Amino acid sequence: MGYGEAFQFHRQIGKKRVADRILDLNGQLKEGLSRLSHVTLHTPLNRDLSAGFVCFEVNGLSPKEVVSRLREKAVIASSTPYGKSYARFSAGIVNTPAEMDRALSLIRAMA
């Protein structure tokens, strides 16, 4: 899908539906990560206080190690580019709840 098609797709389904979908998927990630004892979630659970990024730490692993392990399993994550770095997810409109469950399962296995 090219940029033009992507913008047309967004216009067709509407900004609110796009935003709600992204908030729902990232909410699924936040809820799941918050339940893992070996994970520290840094993004607020409150939907009104966060949107597209979910930042977290996995005990005993650097953000780069977390990202690398996920990438080995074809799950895309990144690390924040700040002085104190965190691993982060950013679910988008093309992602599915099943993909969020898979990502959470992989993080669960990092305990």
C-alpha atoms as a PDB file:
ATOM      1  CA  MET A   1       0.000   0.000   0.000  1.00  0.00           C
ATOM      2  CA  GLY A   2       1.423   3.378  -0.999  1.00  0.00           C
ATOM      3  CA  TYR A   3       1.087   6.636   0.915  1.00  0.00           C
ATOM      4  CA  GLY A   4      -1.823   7.827  -1.189  1.00  0.00           C
ATOM      5  CA  GLU A   5      -3.718   4.607  -0.614  1.00  0.00           C
ATOM      6  CA  ALA A   6      -2.955   4.722   3.102  1.00  0.00           C
ATOM      7  CA  PHE A   7      -4.280   8.276   3.414  1.00  0.00           C
ATOM      8  CA  GLN A   8      -7.379   7.342   1.419  1.00  0.00           C
ATOM      9  CA  PHE A   9      -7.936   4.328   3.696  1.00  0.00           C
ATOM     10  CA  HIS A  10      -7.711   6.577   6.773  1.00  0.00           C
ATOM     11  CA  ARG A  11     -10.192   9.018   5.261  1.00  0.00           C
ATOM     12  CA  GLN A  12     -12.608   6.229   4.404  1.00  0.00           C
ATOM     13  CA  ILE A  13     -12.761   4.759   7.888  1.00  0.00           C
ATOM     14  CA  GLY A  14     -12.486   8.074   9.726  1.00  0.00           C
ATOM     15  CA  LYS A  15     -10.020   9.595  12.154  1.00  0.00           C
ATOM     16  CA  LYS A  16     -11.995   8.605  15.253  1.00  0.00           C
ATOM     17  CA  ARG A  17     -12.105   4.927  14.279  1.00  0.00           C
ATOM     18  CA  VAL A  18      -8.369   4.969  13.529  1.00  0.00           C
ATOM     19  CA  ALA A  19      -7.586   6.647  16.864  1.00  0.00           C
ATOM     20  CA  ASP A  20      -9.905   4.314  18.794  1.00  0.00           C
ATOM     21  CA  ARG A  21      -8.342   1.233  17.201  1.00  0.00           C
ATOM     22  CA  ILE A  22      -4.816   2.400  18.055  1.00  0.00           C
ATOM     23  CA  LEU A  23      -5.840   3.256  21.627  1.00  0.00           C
ATOM     24  CA  ASP A  24      -7.550  -0.132  22.019  1.00  0.00           C
ATOM     25  CA  LEU A  25      -4.530  -2.100  20.795  1.00  0.00           C
ATOM     26  CA  ASN A  26      -2.067  -0.108  22.871  1.00  0.00           C
ATOM     27  CA  GLY A  27      -4.435  -0.466  25.832  1.00  0.00           C
ATOM     28  CA  GLN A  28      -4.326  -4.228  25.366  1.00  0.00           C
ATOM     29  CA  LEU A  29      -0.526  -4.065  25.504  1.00  0.00           C
ATOM     30  CA  LYS A  30      -0.505  -1.824  28.587  1.00  0.00           C
ATOM     31  CA  GLU A  31      -2.966  -4.028  30.468  1.00  0.00           C
ATOM     32  CA  GLY A  32      -1.035  -7.175  29.611  1.00  0.00           C
ATOM     33  CA  LEU A  33       2.371  -5.743  30.476  1.00  0.00           C
ATOM     34  CA  SER A  34       1.074  -4.314  33.757  1.00  0.00           C
ATOM     35  CA  ARG A  35       0.158  -7.839  34.897  1.00  0.00           C
ATOM     36  CA  LEU A  36       3.668  -9.249  34.407  1.00  0.00           C
ATOM     37  CA  SER A  37       5.716  -9.209  37.600  1.00  0.00           C
ATOM     38  CA  HIS A  38       9.034  -9.023  35.725  1.00  0.00           C
ATOM     39  CA  VAL A  39       7.947  -5.966  33.704  1.00  0.00           C
ATOM     40  CA  THR A  40       7.799  -2.312  34.715  1.00  0.00           C
ATOM     41  CA  LEU A  41       5.297  -0.377  32.615  1.00  0.00           C
ATOM     42  CA  HIS A  42       6.186   3.306  32.223  1.00  0.00           C
ATOM     43  CA  THR A  43       3.262   4.387  30.062  1.00  0.00           C
ATOM     44  CA  PRO A  44       0.156   5.360  32.050  1.00  0.00           C
ATOM     45  CA  LEU A  45      -2.700   2.862  31.886  1.00  0.00           C
ATOM     46  CA  ASN A  46      -5.183   5.715  31.604  1.00  0.00           C
ATOM     47  CA  ARG A  47      -6.276   5.943  27.967  1.00  0.00           C
ATOM     48  CA  ASP A  48      -6.509   9.742  28.247  1.00  0.00           C
ATOM     49  CA  LEU A  49      -2.842  10.053  29.241  1.00  0.00           C
ATOM     50  CA  SER A  50      -1.206   8.010  26.489  1.00  0.00           C
ATOM     51  CA  ALA A  51      -1.736   7.083  22.876  1.00  0.00           C
ATOM     52  CA  GLY A  52       0.646   5.475  20.434  1.00  0.00           C
ATOM     53  CA  PHE A  53       3.662   4.338  22.444  1.00  0.00           C
ATOM     54  CA  VAL A  54       3.906   1.780  25.234  1.00  0.00           C
ATOM     55  CA  CYS A  55       7.209   2.027  27.127  1.00  0.00           C
ATOM     56  CA  PHE A  56       8.382  -0.685  29.500  1.00  0.00           C
ATOM     57  CA  GLU A  57      11.342  -2.490  31.048  1.00  0.00           C
ATOM     58  CA  VAL A  58      11.947  -6.199  31.459  1.00  0.00           C
ATOM     59  CA  ASN A  59      13.910  -7.020  34.631  1.00  0.00           C
ATOM     60  CA  GLY A  60      17.462  -8.084  33.875  1.00  0.00           C
ATOM     61  CA  LEU A  61      17.385  -7.145  30.177  1.00  0.00           C
ATOM     62  CA  SER A  62      18.467  -4.002  28.406  1.00  0.00           C
ATOM     63  CA  PRO A  63      15.979  -2.389  26.026  1.00  0.00           C
ATOM     64  CA  LYS A  64      18.189  -3.457  23.108  1.00  0.00           C
ATOM     65  CA  GLU A  65      18.122  -7.072  24.318  1.00  0.00           C
ATOM     66  CA  VAL A  66      14.318  -6.993  24.575  1.00  0.00           C
ATOM     67  CA  VAL A  67      13.995  -5.522  21.076  1.00  0.00           C
ATOM     68  CA  SER A  68      16.472  -8.051  19.670  1.00  0.00           C
ATOM     69  CA  ARG A  69      14.673 -11.038  21.202  1.00  0.00           C
ATOM     70  CA  LEU A  70      11.351  -9.820  19.867  1.00  0.00           C
ATOM     71  CA  ARG A  71      12.782  -9.165  16.416  1.00  0.00           C
ATOM     72  CA  GLU A  72      14.112 -12.760  16.311  1.00  0.00           C
ATOM     73  CA  LYS A  73      10.455 -13.811  16.601  1.00  0.00           C
ATOM     74  CA  ALA A  74       9.292 -11.310  13.933  1.00  0.00           C
ATOM     75  CA  VAL A  75       7.771  -8.880  16.442  1.00  0.00           C
ATOM     76  CA  ILE A  76       8.757  -5.264  15.905  1.00  0.00           C
ATOM     77  CA  ALA A  77       9.618  -3.079  18.872  1.00  0.00           C
ATOM     78  CA  SER A  78      12.124  -0.294  19.395  1.00  0.00           C
ATOM     79  CA  SER A  79      13.939   1.436  22.210  1.00  0.00           C
ATOM     80  CA  THR A  80      13.466   5.041  23.209  1.00  0.00           C
ATOM     81  CA  PRO A  81      16.255   7.389  22.111  1.00  0.00           C
ATOM     82  CA  TYR A  82      16.556   9.169  25.460  1.00  0.00           C
ATOM     83  CA  GLY A  83      19.198   9.209  28.175  1.00  0.00           C
ATOM     84  CA  LYS A  84      17.206   6.569  30.077  1.00  0.00           C
ATOM     85  CA  SER A  85      16.061   4.155  27.412  1.00  0.00           C
ATOM     86  CA  TYR A  86      13.064   1.827  27.541  1.00  0.00           C
ATOM     87  CA  ALA A  87      11.740  -0.843  25.218  1.00  0.00           C
ATOM     88  CA  ARG A  88       8.590   0.279  23.460  1.00  0.00           C
ATOM     89  CA  PHE A  89       5.758  -0.983  21.339  1.00  0.00           C
ATOM     90  CA  SER A  90       3.641   1.104  19.019  1.00  0.00           C
ATOM     91  CA  ALA A  91       0.563  -0.706  17.748  1.00  0.00           C
ATOM     92  CA  GLY A  92      -1.015   0.752  14.641  1.00  0.00           C
ATOM     93  CA  ILE A  93      -4.165   0.457  12.617  1.00  0.00           C
ATOM     94  CA  VAL A  94      -2.858  -2.557  10.690  1.00  0.00           C
ATOM     95  CA  ASN A  95      -2.143  -4.596  13.828  1.00  0.00           C
ATOM     96  CA  THR A  96      -4.521  -7.133  15.342  1.00  0.00           C
ATOM     97  CA  PRO A  97      -5.423  -8.126  18.897  1.00  0.00           C
ATOM     98  CA  ALA A  98      -3.880 -11.542  18.173  1.00  0.00           C
ATOM     99  CA  GLU A  99      -0.569  -9.847  17.381  1.00  0.00           C
ATOM    100  CA  MET A 100      -0.738  -8.011  20.709  1.00  0.00           C
ATOM    101  CA  ASP A 101      -1.348 -11.334  22.479  1.00  0.00           C
ATOM    102  CA  ARG A 102       1.662 -12.837  20.697  1.00  0.00           C
ATOM    103  CA  ALA A 103       3.904  -9.929  21.710  1.00  0.00           C
ATOM    104  CA  LEU A 104       2.720 -10.245  25.313  1.00  0.00           C
ATOM    105  CA  SER A 105       3.372 -13.973  25.255  1.00  0.00           C
ATOM    106  CA  LEU A 106       6.951 -13.367  24.127  1.00  0.00           C
ATOM    107  CA  ILE A 107       7.495 -10.805  26.886  1.00  0.00           C
ATOM    108  CA  ARG A 108       5.968 -13.234  29.408  1.00  0.00           C
ATOM    109  CA  ALA A 109       8.546 -15.829  28.324  1.00  0.00           C
ATOM    110  CA  MET A 110      11.387 -13.400  29.137  1.00  0.00           C
ATOM    111  CA  ALA A 111      10.805 -13.900  32.874  1.00  0.00           C
END
